Amino acid sequence: MPIGRKAHAKPMPLSGGIAMFGGVLIVSMMYAEWDSLVVAVISGGVLLVGVGAVDDWFKAQRREFPVSPRLIVQGLATIIAFALDIRFRGISTGWLGGDEGQMVLFPLWLSFIATVLWILGLTNMMNFLDGADGLAGGVTTISATTLFFIAWLTGQSQTALMAAILVGATLAFLRFNFHPAQLFMGDAGSAFLGYTLALLGLEGAMKGATLVSLTVTVLALGLPVVDTLQVMVSRLRAGLPVYKADRRHVHHRLLSKGLTTRQTVVVLYVVSFLFSLTSVCLFLFL
């Protein structure tokens, strides 16, 4: 419903996230091996899409769904991934991960904390970014394409396949979501996209456990990370709770400067592409 901070003018369906998850599920069942990555994406996705669909139903009734059930379910999805050994394992002491570096393995508690912060953080960052037609879907497409190339170049065929499947799902969704949108992804979609990107990052570029691999992954997902950080700093400086929703996100700022929705989204696509290009260049030349 077009209420509060919502910028659209008429009621919109929120089932795009369910459709994207369905596409990922069907194609994964057809072509992917059921290893830990696929099991984590699908099982965690069922939880996140399920609670997100309930949240979206509340929105359709002009009601607010409590935050705590969503966080609990996100936590369960993260624990599933960690239990399936999709996690931060450690980091190389070498600046570029060369022969002079040694691998320092994290103790279990530190590995768990780092993994939880990464997955929960990116899951919610994508939700924050979903504020303009085509923005979250397009940024996910660019980021997942970057992770696909990195996984492909390092011979991680399963991670590359899952990244390609995610690209296909988001491109199909963008056919109906680019401005003027006919369909929204809802919280079900944004949470699933963020969660899946987080897992692809952990199992792909970040598996090298070097400073470069960490930087490459963060840059591949650069726009939601930078957007969330600037919002948190802005709210802290204004004396506001960091979790309180407002119009301080980068797309809101561009819209307030007079850009149209299409112009705003295209500008942020370019920014996301530049982040991804920098990520690939670092990966190839360092």
C-alpha atoms as a PDB file:
ATOM      1  CA  MET A   1       0.000   0.000   0.000  1.00  0.00           C
ATOM      2  CA  PRO A   2       1.261   3.521  -0.843  1.00  0.00           C
ATOM      3  CA  ILE A   3       1.567   4.749   2.736  1.00  0.00           C
ATOM      4  CA  GLY A   4       4.281   6.342   4.862  1.00  0.00           C
ATOM      5  CA  ARG A   5       7.666   6.438   3.086  1.00  0.00           C
ATOM      6  CA  LYS A   6       6.368   4.473   0.087  1.00  0.00           C
ATOM      7  CA  ALA A   7       6.804   6.411  -3.151  1.00  0.00           C
ATOM      8  CA  HIS A   8       4.466   4.446  -5.454  1.00  0.00           C
ATOM      9  CA  ALA A   9       1.006   5.777  -6.279  1.00  0.00           C
ATOM     10  CA  LYS A  10      -1.165   2.629  -6.268  1.00  0.00           C
ATOM     11  CA  PRO A  11      -1.299  -0.719  -4.451  1.00  0.00           C
ATOM     12  CA  MET A  12       1.340  -3.126  -5.798  1.00  0.00           C
ATOM     13  CA  PRO A  13       1.713  -6.908  -5.549  1.00  0.00           C
ATOM     14  CA  LEU A  14       4.603  -8.061  -3.351  1.00  0.00           C
ATOM     15  CA  SER A  15       5.054 -11.572  -4.729  1.00  0.00           C
ATOM     16  CA  GLY A  16       8.238 -11.006  -6.765  1.00  0.00           C
ATOM     17  CA  GLY A  17      10.451 -12.475  -4.044  1.00  0.00           C
ATOM     18  CA  ILE A  18       8.445 -15.707  -4.002  1.00  0.00           C
ATOM     19  CA  ALA A  19       8.787 -15.943  -7.789  1.00  0.00           C
ATOM     20  CA  MET A  20      12.558 -15.402  -7.701  1.00  0.00           C
ATOM     21  CA  PHE A  21      13.013 -18.014  -4.990  1.00  0.00           C
ATOM     22  CA  GLY A  22      10.860 -20.435  -6.974  1.00  0.00           C
ATOM     23  CA  GLY A  23      13.036 -19.893 -10.030  1.00  0.00           C
ATOM     24  CA  VAL A  24      16.250 -20.462  -8.072  1.00  0.00           C
ATOM     25  CA  LEU A  25      14.786 -23.592  -6.450  1.00  0.00           C
ATOM     26  CA  ILE A  26      13.596 -25.167  -9.713  1.00  0.00           C
ATOM     27  CA  VAL A  27      16.784 -24.501 -11.699  1.00  0.00           C
ATOM     28  CA  SER A  28      18.988 -25.620  -8.787  1.00  0.00           C
ATOM     29  CA  MET A  29      17.069 -28.889  -8.590  1.00  0.00           C
ATOM     30  CA  MET A  30      17.568 -29.385 -12.326  1.00  0.00           C
ATOM     31  CA  TYR A  31      21.244 -28.506 -12.714  1.00  0.00           C
ATOM     32  CA  ALA A  32      23.115 -28.103  -9.403  1.00  0.00           C
ATOM     33  CA  GLU A  33      24.693 -30.718  -7.189  1.00  0.00           C
ATOM     34  CA  TRP A  34      23.165 -30.710  -3.719  1.00  0.00           C
ATOM     35  CA  ASP A  35      26.247 -29.697  -1.806  1.00  0.00           C
ATOM     36  CA  SER A  36      26.387 -27.519   1.325  1.00  0.00           C
ATOM     37  CA  LEU A  37      26.023 -24.254  -0.637  1.00  0.00           C
ATOM     38  CA  VAL A  38      22.842 -25.312  -2.430  1.00  0.00           C
ATOM     39  CA  VAL A  39      21.331 -26.806   0.725  1.00  0.00           C
ATOM     40  CA  ALA A  40      22.081 -23.599   2.641  1.00  0.00           C
ATOM     41  CA  VAL A  41      20.631 -21.355  -0.077  1.00  0.00           C
ATOM     42  CA  ILE A  42      17.442 -23.413  -0.389  1.00  0.00           C
ATOM     43  CA  SER A  43      16.823 -24.202   3.293  1.00  0.00           C
ATOM     44  CA  GLY A  44      17.702 -20.706   4.451  1.00  0.00           C
ATOM     45  CA  GLY A  45      15.701 -19.300   1.557  1.00  0.00           C
ATOM     46  CA  VAL A  46      12.590 -21.236   2.629  1.00  0.00           C
ATOM     47  CA  LEU A  47      12.830 -19.655   6.087  1.00  0.00           C
ATOM     48  CA  LEU A  48      13.513 -16.131   4.864  1.00  0.00           C
ATOM     49  CA  VAL A  49      10.929 -16.154   2.093  1.00  0.00           C
ATOM     50  CA  GLY A  50       8.390 -17.646   4.505  1.00  0.00           C
ATOM     51  CA  VAL A  51       8.770 -14.989   7.205  1.00  0.00           C
ATOM     52  CA  GLY A  52       9.130 -12.306   4.519  1.00  0.00           C
ATOM     53  CA  ALA A  53       5.834 -13.370   2.940  1.00  0.00           C
ATOM     54  CA  VAL A  54       4.138 -13.044   6.344  1.00  0.00           C
ATOM     55  CA  ASP A  55       5.695  -9.582   6.709  1.00  0.00           C
ATOM     56  CA  ASP A  56       4.430  -8.644   3.242  1.00  0.00           C
ATOM     57  CA  TRP A  57       0.948  -9.908   4.108  1.00  0.00           C
ATOM     58  CA  PHE A  58       0.942  -7.611   7.133  1.00  0.00           C
ATOM     59  CA  LYS A  59       1.913  -4.706   4.872  1.00  0.00           C
ATOM     60  CA  ALA A  60      -0.992  -5.537   2.562  1.00  0.00           C
ATOM     61  CA  GLN A  61      -3.271  -5.211   5.604  1.00  0.00           C
ATOM     62  CA  ARG A  62      -1.675  -1.830   6.480  1.00  0.00           C
ATOM     63  CA  ARG A  63      -0.128  -3.375   9.596  1.00  0.00           C
ATOM     64  CA  GLU A  64       3.450  -3.577  10.851  1.00  0.00           C
ATOM     65  CA  PHE A  65       5.042  -6.989  11.413  1.00  0.00           C
ATOM     66  CA  PRO A  66       7.294  -7.171  14.523  1.00  0.00           C
ATOM     67  CA  VAL A  67      11.037  -7.048  13.913  1.00  0.00           C
ATOM     68  CA  SER A  68      11.961  -9.809  16.386  1.00  0.00           C
ATOM     69  CA  PRO A  69      10.449 -12.782  14.441  1.00  0.00           C
ATOM     70  CA  ARG A  70      12.315 -11.691  11.317  1.00  0.00           C
ATOM     71  CA  LEU A  71      15.614 -11.459  13.192  1.00  0.00           C
ATOM     72  CA  ILE A  72      15.060 -14.859  14.800  1.00  0.00           C
ATOM     73  CA  VAL A  73      14.397 -16.492  11.416  1.00  0.00           C
ATOM     74  CA  GLN A  74      17.382 -14.693   9.854  1.00  0.00           C
ATOM     75  CA  GLY A  75      19.482 -16.007  12.728  1.00  0.00           C
ATOM     76  CA  LEU A  76      18.252 -19.564  12.108  1.00  0.00           C
ATOM     77  CA  ALA A  77      19.118 -19.296   8.404  1.00  0.00           C
ATOM     78  CA  THR A  78      22.589 -18.046   9.339  1.00  0.00           C
ATOM     79  CA  ILE A  79      23.107 -20.907  11.801  1.00  0.00           C
ATOM     80  CA  ILE A  80      22.129 -23.384   9.072  1.00  0.00           C
ATOM     81  CA  ALA A  81      24.798 -21.927   6.781  1.00  0.00           C
ATOM     82  CA  PHE A  82      27.397 -22.024   9.549  1.00  0.00           C
ATOM     83  CA  ALA A  83      26.509 -25.622  10.433  1.00  0.00           C
ATOM     84  CA  LEU A  84      26.989 -26.528   6.759  1.00  0.00           C
ATOM     85  CA  ASP A  85      30.539 -25.102   7.003  1.00  0.00           C
ATOM     86  CA  ILE A  86      29.813 -21.922   5.034  1.00  0.00           C
ATOM     87  CA  ARG A  87      31.735 -19.566   7.276  1.00  0.00           C
ATOM     88  CA  PHE A  88      34.757 -17.375   7.882  1.00  0.00           C
ATOM     89  CA  ARG A  89      37.548 -19.838   8.647  1.00  0.00           C
ATOM     90  CA  GLY A  90      40.522 -17.526   9.123  1.00  0.00           C
ATOM     91  CA  ILE A  91      42.791 -15.104   7.312  1.00  0.00           C
ATOM     92  CA  SER A  92      46.270 -15.117   5.838  1.00  0.00           C
ATOM     93  CA  THR A  93      48.929 -13.038   7.565  1.00  0.00           C
ATOM     94  CA  GLY A  94      50.431 -12.175   4.175  1.00  0.00           C
ATOM     95  CA  TRP A  95      49.339  -8.762   2.884  1.00  0.00           C
ATOM     96  CA  LEU A  96      48.545 -10.281  -0.501  1.00  0.00           C
ATOM     97  CA  GLY A  97      48.344 -13.903   0.580  1.00  0.00           C
ATOM     98  CA  GLY A  98      51.712 -14.799  -0.912  1.00  0.00           C
ATOM     99  CA  ASP A  99      54.066 -17.544   0.212  1.00  0.00           C
ATOM    100  CA  GLU A 100      55.313 -15.421   3.080  1.00  0.00           C
ATOM    101  CA  GLY A 101      51.871 -15.393   4.650  1.00  0.00           C
ATOM    102  CA  GLN A 102      50.584 -17.990   7.092  1.00  0.00           C
ATOM    103  CA  MET A 103      46.979 -18.987   7.548  1.00  0.00           C
ATOM    104  CA  VAL A 104      45.608 -18.034  10.957  1.00  0.00           C
ATOM    105  CA  LEU A 105      42.508 -20.087  11.723  1.00  0.00           C
ATOM    106  CA  PHE A 106      39.780 -18.380  13.741  1.00  0.00           C
ATOM    107  CA  PRO A 107      38.589 -20.066  16.931  1.00  0.00           C
ATOM    108  CA  LEU A 108      35.039 -21.362  16.568  1.00  0.00           C
ATOM    109  CA  TRP A 109      33.462 -18.477  18.499  1.00  0.00           C
ATOM    110  CA  LEU A 110      35.191 -15.822  16.358  1.00  0.00           C
ATOM    111  CA  SER A 111      34.323 -17.664  13.153  1.00  0.00           C
ATOM    112  CA  PHE A 112      30.681 -17.798  14.279  1.00  0.00           C
ATOM    113  CA  ILE A 113      30.517 -14.083  15.174  1.00  0.00           C
ATOM    114  CA  ALA A 114      32.147 -13.006  11.905  1.00  0.00           C
ATOM    115  CA  THR A 115      29.834 -15.251   9.866  1.00  0.00           C
ATOM    116  CA  VAL A 116      26.699 -14.027  11.666  1.00  0.00           C
ATOM    117  CA  LEU A 117      27.669 -10.375  11.211  1.00  0.00           C
ATOM    118  CA  TRP A 118      28.408 -10.890   7.514  1.00  0.00           C
ATOM    119  CA  ILE A 119      25.243 -12.835   6.627  1.00  0.00           C
ATOM    120  CA  LEU A 120      22.806 -10.876   8.800  1.00  0.00           C
ATOM    121  CA  GLY A 121      24.390  -7.612   7.737  1.00  0.00           C
ATOM    122  CA  LEU A 122      24.084  -8.254   3.999  1.00  0.00           C
ATOM    123  CA  THR A 123      20.603  -9.758   4.348  1.00  0.00           C
ATOM    124  CA  ASN A 124      19.345  -6.520   5.896  1.00  0.00           C
ATOM    125  CA  MET A 125      21.466  -4.220   3.719  1.00  0.00           C
ATOM    126  CA  MET A 126      19.638  -5.462   0.639  1.00  0.00           C
ATOM    127  CA  ASN A 127      16.334  -4.827   2.387  1.00  0.00           C
ATOM    128  CA  PHE A 128      17.408  -1.238   3.082  1.00  0.00           C
ATOM    129  CA  LEU A 129      18.403  -0.775  -0.568  1.00  0.00           C
ATOM    130  CA  ASP A 130      15.030  -1.924  -1.889  1.00  0.00           C
ATOM    131  CA  GLY A 131      13.485   1.531  -2.118  1.00  0.00           C
ATOM    132  CA  ALA A 132      13.221   2.342  -5.837  1.00  0.00           C
ATOM    133  CA  ASP A 133      11.882   0.427  -8.833  1.00  0.00           C
ATOM    134  CA  GLY A 134      14.537  -1.953 -10.130  1.00  0.00           C
ATOM    135  CA  LEU A 135      17.269  -0.884  -7.704  1.00  0.00           C
ATOM    136  CA  ALA A 136      17.779  -3.933  -5.456  1.00  0.00           C
ATOM    137  CA  GLY A 137      17.219  -6.376  -8.332  1.00  0.00           C
ATOM    138  CA  GLY A 138      19.641  -4.563 -10.625  1.00  0.00           C
ATOM    139  CA  VAL A 139      22.355  -4.209  -7.994  1.00  0.00           C
ATOM    140  CA  THR A 140      21.991  -7.911  -7.160  1.00  0.00           C
ATOM    141  CA  THR A 141      22.375  -8.764 -10.847  1.00  0.00           C
ATOM    142  CA  ILE A 142      25.602  -6.752 -11.098  1.00  0.00           C
ATOM    143  CA  SER A 143      27.042  -8.133  -7.850  1.00  0.00           C
ATOM    144  CA  ALA A 144      26.099 -11.738  -8.626  1.00  0.00           C
ATOM    145  CA  THR A 145      27.624 -11.419 -12.113  1.00  0.00           C
ATOM    146  CA  THR A 146      30.872 -10.249 -10.512  1.00  0.00           C
ATOM    147  CA  LEU A 147      30.863 -13.163  -8.070  1.00  0.00           C
ATOM    148  CA  PHE A 148      30.133 -15.506 -10.990  1.00  0.00           C
ATOM    149  CA  PHE A 149      33.237 -14.376 -12.897  1.00  0.00           C
ATOM    150  CA  ILE A 150      35.477 -14.633  -9.842  1.00  0.00           C
ATOM    151  CA  ALA A 151      34.166 -18.115  -9.000  1.00  0.00           C
ATOM    152  CA  TRP A 152      34.503 -19.209 -12.633  1.00  0.00           C
ATOM    153  CA  LEU A 153      38.080 -17.928 -12.897  1.00  0.00           C
ATOM    154  CA  THR A 154      39.058 -19.771  -9.702  1.00  0.00           C
ATOM    155  CA  GLY A 155      37.469 -23.036 -10.824  1.00  0.00           C
ATOM    156  CA  GLN A 156      34.612 -22.975  -8.296  1.00  0.00           C
ATOM    157  CA  SER A 157      32.017 -24.330 -10.687  1.00  0.00           C
ATOM    158  CA  GLN A 158      29.215 -24.859  -8.169  1.00  0.00           C
ATOM    159  CA  THR A 159      29.482 -21.320  -6.771  1.00  0.00           C
ATOM    160  CA  ALA A 160      29.629 -19.946 -10.311  1.00  0.00           C
ATOM    161  CA  LEU A 161      26.511 -21.926 -11.251  1.00  0.00           C
ATOM    162  CA  MET A 162      24.538 -20.655  -8.254  1.00  0.00           C
ATOM    163  CA  ALA A 163      25.607 -17.075  -9.011  1.00  0.00           C
ATOM    164  CA  ALA A 164      24.440 -17.520 -12.619  1.00  0.00           C
ATOM    165  CA  ILE A 165      21.097 -18.918 -11.430  1.00  0.00           C
ATOM    166  CA  LEU A 166      20.647 -15.887  -9.172  1.00  0.00           C
ATOM    167  CA  VAL A 167      21.430 -13.558 -12.095  1.00  0.00           C
ATOM    168  CA  GLY A 168      18.791 -15.307 -14.190  1.00  0.00           C
ATOM    169  CA  ALA A 169      16.171 -14.979 -11.465  1.00  0.00           C
ATOM    170  CA  THR A 170      16.821 -11.281 -10.879  1.00  0.00           C
ATOM    171  CA  LEU A 171      16.891 -10.447 -14.592  1.00  0.00           C
ATOM    172  CA  ALA A 172      13.532 -12.166 -15.072  1.00  0.00           C
ATOM    173  CA  PHE A 173      12.152 -10.204 -12.112  1.00  0.00           C
ATOM    174  CA  LEU A 174      13.521  -6.903 -13.469  1.00  0.00           C
ATOM    175  CA  ARG A 175      11.374  -7.408 -16.576  1.00  0.00           C
ATOM    176  CA  PHE A 176       8.416  -6.551 -14.308  1.00  0.00           C
ATOM    177  CA  ASN A 177      10.125  -4.385 -11.701  1.00  0.00           C
ATOM    178  CA  PHE A 178      12.009  -1.708 -13.662  1.00  0.00           C
ATOM    179  CA  HIS A 179      10.269   1.675 -13.517  1.00  0.00           C
ATOM    180  CA  PRO A 180       7.309   1.882 -13.815  1.00  0.00           C
ATOM    181  CA  ALA A 181       7.125  -1.336 -11.798  1.00  0.00           C
ATOM    182  CA  GLN A 182       4.314  -3.856 -12.106  1.00  0.00           C
ATOM    183  CA  LEU A 183       5.607  -5.992  -9.246  1.00  0.00           C
ATOM    184  CA  PHE A 184       7.658  -5.602  -6.049  1.00  0.00           C
ATOM    185  CA  MET A 185       9.966  -8.202  -4.478  1.00  0.00           C
ATOM    186  CA  GLY A 186       8.801  -7.458  -0.931  1.00  0.00           C
ATOM    187  CA  ASP A 187      10.781  -8.314   2.183  1.00  0.00           C
ATOM    188  CA  ALA A 188      10.686 -11.961   1.091  1.00  0.00           C
ATOM    189  CA  GLY A 189      12.728 -11.120  -2.000  1.00  0.00           C
ATOM    190  CA  SER A 190      15.193  -8.600  -0.556  1.00  0.00           C
ATOM    191  CA  ALA A 191      16.086 -10.871   2.382  1.00  0.00           C
ATOM    192  CA  PHE A 192      16.581 -13.864   0.091  1.00  0.00           C
ATOM    193  CA  LEU A 193      18.782 -11.895  -2.321  1.00  0.00           C
ATOM    194  CA  GLY A 194      20.963 -10.476   0.446  1.00  0.00           C
ATOM    195  CA  TYR A 195      21.306 -13.871   2.130  1.00  0.00           C
ATOM    196  CA  THR A 196      22.256 -15.623  -1.106  1.00  0.00           C
ATOM    197  CA  LEU A 197      24.812 -12.964  -2.045  1.00  0.00           C
ATOM    198  CA  ALA A 198      26.369 -13.327   1.417  1.00  0.00           C
ATOM    199  CA  LEU A 199      26.727 -17.106   0.961  1.00  0.00           C
ATOM    200  CA  LEU A 200      28.138 -16.732  -2.558  1.00  0.00           C
ATOM    201  CA  GLY A 201      30.707 -14.276  -1.228  1.00  0.00           C
ATOM    202  CA  LEU A 202      31.782 -16.636   1.560  1.00  0.00           C
ATOM    203  CA  GLU A 203      32.028 -19.638  -0.759  1.00  0.00           C
ATOM    204  CA  GLY A 204      33.523 -17.717  -3.682  1.00  0.00           C
ATOM    205  CA  ALA A 205      35.999 -14.840  -3.641  1.00  0.00           C
ATOM    206  CA  MET A 206      36.316 -14.788   0.154  1.00  0.00           C
ATOM    207  CA  LYS A 207      37.424 -18.414   0.344  1.00  0.00           C
ATOM    208  CA  GLY A 208      41.013 -17.281  -0.261  1.00  0.00           C
ATOM    209  CA  ALA A 209      40.994 -15.693   3.218  1.00  0.00           C
ATOM    210  CA  THR A 210      43.439 -12.918   2.272  1.00  0.00           C
ATOM    211  CA  LEU A 211      43.102  -9.175   2.553  1.00  0.00           C
ATOM    212  CA  VAL A 212      42.648  -8.974  -1.212  1.00  0.00           C
ATOM    213  CA  SER A 213      39.930 -11.648  -1.292  1.00  0.00           C
ATOM    214  CA  LEU A 214      38.050  -9.863   1.485  1.00  0.00           C
ATOM    215  CA  THR A 215      38.395  -6.504  -0.300  1.00  0.00           C
ATOM    216  CA  VAL A 216      37.315  -8.023  -3.617  1.00  0.00           C
ATOM    217  CA  THR A 217      34.162  -9.449  -2.050  1.00  0.00           C
ATOM    218  CA  VAL A 218      33.225  -6.248  -0.226  1.00  0.00           C
ATOM    219  CA  LEU A 219      33.730  -4.217  -3.424  1.00  0.00           C
ATOM    220  CA  ALA A 220      31.597  -6.669  -5.421  1.00  0.00           C
ATOM    221  CA  LEU A 221      28.809  -5.914  -2.943  1.00  0.00           C
ATOM    222  CA  GLY A 222      29.897  -2.299  -2.547  1.00  0.00           C
ATOM    223  CA  LEU A 223      26.709  -0.276  -3.011  1.00  0.00           C
ATOM    224  CA  PRO A 224      24.555  -1.846  -0.261  1.00  0.00           C
ATOM    225  CA  VAL A 225      27.567  -1.821   2.096  1.00  0.00           C
ATOM    226  CA  VAL A 226      28.387   1.854   1.505  1.00  0.00           C
ATOM    227  CA  ASP A 227      24.727   2.882   1.578  1.00  0.00           C
ATOM    228  CA  THR A 228      24.151   1.192   4.933  1.00  0.00           C
ATOM    229  CA  LEU A 229      27.318   2.658   6.469  1.00  0.00           C
ATOM    230  CA  GLN A 230      26.470   6.210   5.411  1.00  0.00           C
ATOM    231  CA  VAL A 231      22.912   5.848   6.748  1.00  0.00           C
ATOM    232  CA  MET A 232      24.174   4.575  10.104  1.00  0.00           C
ATOM    233  CA  VAL A 233      26.681   7.430  10.418  1.00  0.00           C
ATOM    234  CA  SER A 234      24.049   9.974   9.403  1.00  0.00           C
ATOM    235  CA  ARG A 235      21.552   8.683  11.974  1.00  0.00           C
ATOM    236  CA  LEU A 236      24.167   8.584  14.742  1.00  0.00           C
ATOM    237  CA  ARG A 237      25.205  12.167  13.990  1.00  0.00           C
ATOM    238  CA  ALA A 238      21.539  13.202  14.132  1.00  0.00           C
ATOM    239  CA  GLY A 239      21.072  11.385  17.455  1.00  0.00           C
ATOM    240  CA  LEU A 240      18.602   8.897  15.960  1.00  0.00           C
ATOM    241  CA  PRO A 241      18.456   5.107  16.464  1.00  0.00           C
ATOM    242  CA  VAL A 242      20.366   3.347  13.664  1.00  0.00           C
ATOM    243  CA  TYR A 243      17.461   0.929  13.114  1.00  0.00           C
ATOM    244  CA  LYS A 244      14.765   3.593  12.688  1.00  0.00           C
ATOM    245  CA  ALA A 245      13.558   3.784   9.077  1.00  0.00           C
ATOM    246  CA  ASP A 246      13.801   7.144   7.328  1.00  0.00           C
ATOM    247  CA  ARG A 247      14.687   8.682   3.956  1.00  0.00           C
ATOM    248  CA  ARG A 248      18.460   8.939   4.411  1.00  0.00           C
ATOM    249  CA  HIS A 249      19.395   6.198   1.954  1.00  0.00           C
ATOM    250  CA  VAL A 250      21.333   7.202  -1.135  1.00  0.00           C
ATOM    251  CA  HIS A 251      18.382   6.658  -3.492  1.00  0.00           C
ATOM    252  CA  HIS A 252      16.197   8.896  -1.296  1.00  0.00           C
ATOM    253  CA  ARG A 253      18.892  11.580  -1.368  1.00  0.00           C
ATOM    254  CA  LEU A 254      19.130  11.471  -5.170  1.00  0.00           C
ATOM    255  CA  LEU A 255      15.357  11.594  -5.549  1.00  0.00           C
ATOM    256  CA  SER A 256      15.215  14.606  -3.213  1.00  0.00           C
ATOM    257  CA  LYS A 257      17.739  16.387  -5.483  1.00  0.00           C
ATOM    258  CA  GLY A 258      15.271  16.224  -8.353  1.00  0.00           C
ATOM    259  CA  LEU A 259      16.332  13.059 -10.200  1.00  0.00           C
ATOM    260  CA  THR A 260      13.561  10.858 -11.528  1.00  0.00           C
ATOM    261  CA  THR A 261      13.257   7.264 -10.381  1.00  0.00           C
ATOM    262  CA  ARG A 262      14.810   5.993 -13.617  1.00  0.00           C
ATOM    263  CA  GLN A 263      17.690   8.474 -13.414  1.00  0.00           C
ATOM    264  CA  THR A 264      18.345   7.565  -9.782  1.00  0.00           C
ATOM    265  CA  VAL A 265      18.405   3.836 -10.505  1.00  0.00           C
ATOM    266  CA  VAL A 266      20.645   4.224 -13.570  1.00  0.00           C
ATOM    267  CA  VAL A 267      23.124   6.369 -11.603  1.00  0.00           C
ATOM    268  CA  LEU A 268      23.273   3.729  -8.868  1.00  0.00           C
ATOM    269  CA  TYR A 269      23.631   0.958 -11.465  1.00  0.00           C
ATOM    270  CA  VAL A 270      26.720   2.800 -12.755  1.00  0.00           C
ATOM    271  CA  VAL A 271      28.086   3.167  -9.221  1.00  0.00           C
ATOM    272  CA  SER A 272      27.503  -0.536  -8.550  1.00  0.00           C
ATOM    273  CA  PHE A 273      29.154  -1.447 -11.853  1.00  0.00           C
ATOM    274  CA  LEU A 274      32.222   0.663 -10.985  1.00  0.00           C
ATOM    275  CA  PHE A 275      32.486  -1.081  -7.610  1.00  0.00           C
ATOM    276  CA  SER A 276      32.301  -4.443  -9.388  1.00  0.00           C
ATOM    277  CA  LEU A 277      34.822  -3.410 -12.052  1.00  0.00           C
ATOM    278  CA  THR A 278      37.262  -2.349  -9.334  1.00  0.00           C
ATOM    279  CA  SER A 279      36.675  -5.675  -7.602  1.00  0.00           C
ATOM    280  CA  VAL A 280      37.488  -7.682 -10.732  1.00  0.00           C
ATOM    281  CA  CYS A 281      40.579  -5.567 -11.501  1.00  0.00           C
ATOM    282  CA  LEU A 282      41.914  -6.132  -7.971  1.00  0.00           C
ATOM    283  CA  PHE A 283      41.274  -9.843  -8.307  1.00  0.00           C
ATOM    284  CA  LEU A 284      43.041 -10.079 -11.674  1.00  0.00           C
ATOM    285  CA  PHE A 285      46.072  -7.884 -11.037  1.00  0.00           C
ATOM    286  CA  LEU A 286      46.898  -8.323  -7.322  1.00  0.00           C
END
